C-alpha atoms as a PDB file:
ATOM      1  CA  MET A   1       5.339  -6.590  30.266  1.00  0.00           C
ATOM      2  CA  ASP A   2       5.748  -7.650  26.646  1.00  0.00           C
ATOM      3  CA  ASP A   3       8.014  -5.315  24.639  1.00  0.00           C
ATOM      4  CA  ALA A   4       6.865  -6.636  21.263  1.00  0.00           C
ATOM      5  CA  PRO A   5       4.935  -4.046  19.277  1.00  0.00           C
ATOM      6  CA  ALA A   6       1.325  -4.686  18.288  1.00  0.00           C
ATOM      7  CA  THR A   7       2.000  -3.312  14.803  1.00  0.00           C
ATOM      8  CA  SER A   8       4.199  -4.455  11.944  1.00  0.00           C
ATOM      9  CA  LEU A   9       5.785  -2.715   8.977  1.00  0.00           C
ATOM     10  CA  VAL A  10       5.615  -4.629   5.710  1.00  0.00           C
ATOM     11  CA  LEU A  11       8.042  -3.693   2.948  1.00  0.00           C
ATOM     12  CA  VAL A  12       6.736  -4.777  -0.445  1.00  0.00           C
ATOM     13  CA  ARG A  13       9.320  -5.557  -3.114  1.00  0.00           C
ATOM     14  CA  PRO A  14       9.279  -7.145  -6.565  1.00  0.00           C
ATOM     15  CA  GLY A  15       9.160 -10.919  -6.469  1.00  0.00           C
ATOM     16  CA  PRO A  16      10.795 -13.426  -8.810  1.00  0.00           C
ATOM     17  CA  ALA A  17       7.850 -13.233 -11.247  1.00  0.00           C
ATOM     18  CA  TRP A  18       7.830  -9.405 -11.420  1.00  0.00           C
ATOM     19  CA  ASP A  19       7.897  -8.202 -15.042  1.00  0.00           C
ATOM     20  CA  HIS A  20      10.258  -5.198 -15.080  1.00  0.00           C
ATOM     21  CA  ALA A  21       8.951  -4.169 -18.525  1.00  0.00           C
ATOM     22  CA  ARG A  22       5.485  -3.449 -17.067  1.00  0.00           C
ATOM     23  CA  PRO A  23       4.203  -0.868 -14.570  1.00  0.00           C
ATOM     24  CA  LEU A  24       2.757  -1.874 -11.220  1.00  0.00           C
ATOM     25  CA  ALA A  25      -0.843  -1.706 -12.436  1.00  0.00           C
ATOM     26  CA  ALA A  26      -0.080  -4.082 -15.330  1.00  0.00           C
ATOM     27  CA  GLN A  27       1.594  -6.799 -13.256  1.00  0.00           C
ATOM     28  CA  ARG A  28      -0.082 -10.185 -13.090  1.00  0.00           C
ATOM     29  CA  ASN A  29      -2.174 -10.377  -9.881  1.00  0.00           C
ATOM     30  CA  ALA A  30      -2.114  -6.553  -9.479  1.00  0.00           C
ATOM     31  CA  ALA A  31      -5.911  -6.313  -9.202  1.00  0.00           C
ATOM     32  CA  ALA A  32      -6.043  -9.181  -6.706  1.00  0.00           C
ATOM     33  CA  HIS A  33      -3.258  -7.577  -4.647  1.00  0.00           C
ATOM     34  CA  LEU A  34      -5.096  -4.249  -4.595  1.00  0.00           C
ATOM     35  CA  ALA A  35      -8.320  -5.962  -3.519  1.00  0.00           C
ATOM     36  CA  TRP A  36      -6.380  -7.784  -0.776  1.00  0.00           C
ATOM     37  CA  VAL A  37      -4.895  -4.494   0.491  1.00  0.00           C
ATOM     38  CA  ARG A  38      -8.198  -2.606   0.299  1.00  0.00           C
ATOM     39  CA  GLY A  39      -9.952  -5.405   2.182  1.00  0.00           C
ATOM     40  CA  HIS A  40      -7.446  -5.203   5.018  1.00  0.00           C
ATOM     41  CA  VAL A  41      -7.633  -1.397   5.146  1.00  0.00           C
ATOM     42  CA  ALA A  42     -11.444  -1.581   5.290  1.00  0.00           C
ATOM     43  CA  ALA A  43     -11.280  -4.219   8.041  1.00  0.00           C
ATOM     44  CA  GLY A  44      -8.770  -2.192  10.066  1.00  0.00           C
ATOM     45  CA  THR A  45      -6.095  -4.874   9.818  1.00  0.00           C
ATOM     46  CA  ALA A  46      -3.996  -2.492   7.721  1.00  0.00           C
ATOM     47  CA  LEU A  47      -3.614   0.970   9.258  1.00  0.00           C
ATOM     48  CA  THR A  48      -2.192   2.403   6.049  1.00  0.00           C
ATOM     49  CA  ALA A  49      -0.831   1.074   2.785  1.00  0.00           C
ATOM     50  CA  GLY A  50       0.360   2.354  -0.535  1.00  0.00           C
ATOM     51  CA  PRO A  51       2.911   2.265  -3.306  1.00  0.00           C
ATOM     52  CA  VAL A  52       6.086   4.331  -3.331  1.00  0.00           C
ATOM     53  CA  CYS A  53       5.879   4.716  -7.088  1.00  0.00           C
ATOM     54  CA  ARG A  54       3.146   5.675  -9.506  1.00  0.00           C
ATOM     55  CA  HIS A  55       1.028   2.651 -10.365  1.00  0.00           C
ATOM     56  CA  ASP A  56       1.146   3.519 -14.085  1.00  0.00           C
ATOM     57  CA  GLN A  57       4.935   3.803 -14.363  1.00  0.00           C
ATOM     58  CA  ARG A  58       7.654   1.180 -14.405  1.00  0.00           C
ATOM     59  CA  LEU A  59       9.439   0.493 -11.140  1.00  0.00           C
ATOM     60  CA  THR A  60      12.746   2.347 -10.759  1.00  0.00           C
ATOM     61  CA  THR A  61      13.677   1.136  -7.252  1.00  0.00           C
ATOM     62  CA  ASP A  62      13.594  -2.145  -5.392  1.00  0.00           C
ATOM     63  CA  LEU A  63      10.707  -1.011  -3.176  1.00  0.00           C
ATOM     64  CA  VAL A  64       7.130  -1.234  -4.451  1.00  0.00           C
ATOM     65  CA  GLY A  65       5.229  -0.100  -1.365  1.00  0.00           C
ATOM     66  CA  VAL A  66       4.626  -0.304   2.359  1.00  0.00           C
ATOM     67  CA  ILE A  67       1.856  -1.570   4.611  1.00  0.00           C
ATOM     68  CA  VAL A  68       1.452  -0.950   8.333  1.00  0.00           C
ATOM     69  CA  LEU A  69      -0.506  -3.808   9.871  1.00  0.00           C
ATOM     70  CA  ALA A  70      -2.270  -3.657  13.222  1.00  0.00           C
ATOM     71  CA  LEU A  71      -0.868  -7.091  14.010  1.00  0.00           C
ATOM     72  CA  PRO A  72       2.141  -8.391  15.907  1.00  0.00           C
ATOM     73  CA  LEU A  73       5.045  -9.765  13.882  1.00  0.00           C
ATOM     74  CA  ALA A  74       4.083 -13.457  13.748  1.00  0.00           C
ATOM     75  CA  GLU A  75       0.493 -12.784  12.681  1.00  0.00           C
ATOM     76  CA  ALA A  76       1.568 -10.142  10.163  1.00  0.00           C
ATOM     77  CA  THR A  77       4.113 -12.519   8.642  1.00  0.00           C
ATOM     78  CA  THR A  78       1.466 -15.192   8.200  1.00  0.00           C
ATOM     79  CA  LEU A  79      -1.018 -12.704   6.736  1.00  0.00           C
ATOM     80  CA  ALA A  80       1.515 -11.307   4.239  1.00  0.00           C
ATOM     81  CA  GLN A  81       1.835 -14.743   2.657  1.00  0.00           C
ATOM     82  CA  THR A  82      -1.885 -14.737   1.792  1.00  0.00           C
ATOM     83  CA  ASP A  83      -1.545 -11.857  -0.679  1.00  0.00           C
ATOM     84  CA  PRO A  84      -2.323 -13.258  -4.165  1.00  0.00           C
ATOM     85  CA  ALA A  85       0.645 -11.418  -5.702  1.00  0.00           C
ATOM     86  CA  VAL A  86       2.989 -12.913  -3.094  1.00  0.00           C
ATOM     87  CA  ALA A  87       1.568 -16.373  -3.760  1.00  0.00           C
ATOM     88  CA  GLY A  88       1.969 -15.745  -7.503  1.00  0.00           C
ATOM     89  CA  GLY A  89       5.559 -14.546  -7.146  1.00  0.00           C
ATOM     90  CA  GLN A  90       4.988 -11.007  -8.419  1.00  0.00           C
ATOM     91  CA  LEU A  91       5.679  -9.540  -4.973  1.00  0.00           C
ATOM     92  CA  ARG A  92       7.619 -10.472  -1.875  1.00  0.00           C
ATOM     93  CA  MET A  93       7.037  -8.977   1.537  1.00  0.00           C
ATOM     94  CA  SER A  94       9.396  -8.593   4.455  1.00  0.00           C
ATOM     95  CA  VAL A  95       7.730  -7.986   7.801  1.00  0.00           C
ATOM     96  CA  HIS A  96       9.364  -6.000  10.607  1.00  0.00           C
ATOM     97  CA  PRO A  97       8.349  -4.933  14.126  1.00  0.00           C
ATOM     98  CA  TYR A  98       6.958  -1.410  13.998  1.00  0.00           C
ATOM     99  CA  PHE A  99       6.977   0.687  17.142  1.00  0.00           C
ATOM    100  CA  ARG A 100       4.142   3.035  16.266  1.00  0.00           C
ATOM    101  CA  VAL A 101       4.074   6.425  17.972  1.00  0.00           C
ATOM    102  CA  VAL A 102       0.573   7.439  18.992  1.00  0.00           C
ATOM    103  CA  ALA A 103      -0.280  10.847  20.425  1.00  0.00           C
END
């Protein structure tokens, strides 16, 4: 029996190209990132996703948002690198095993 979870938790943080003077919605690649997230939610790859701050306010923490992917760790790590805002340096994502509780 494999003990690795089939889901992964992605913590989304500002990347090296994040502009701290601008809110989330005004970051370069913000629209492409949102389209990437929405596409994965619609496809069922992402079980849930969202920011931890208001999109129209400047970031006050080091955490931008979270995504729960219906993928094991290796696949989720590879997928996270395809986000346009990660590729552009506005965001960085750390991927962790997520032991999802299901009723």
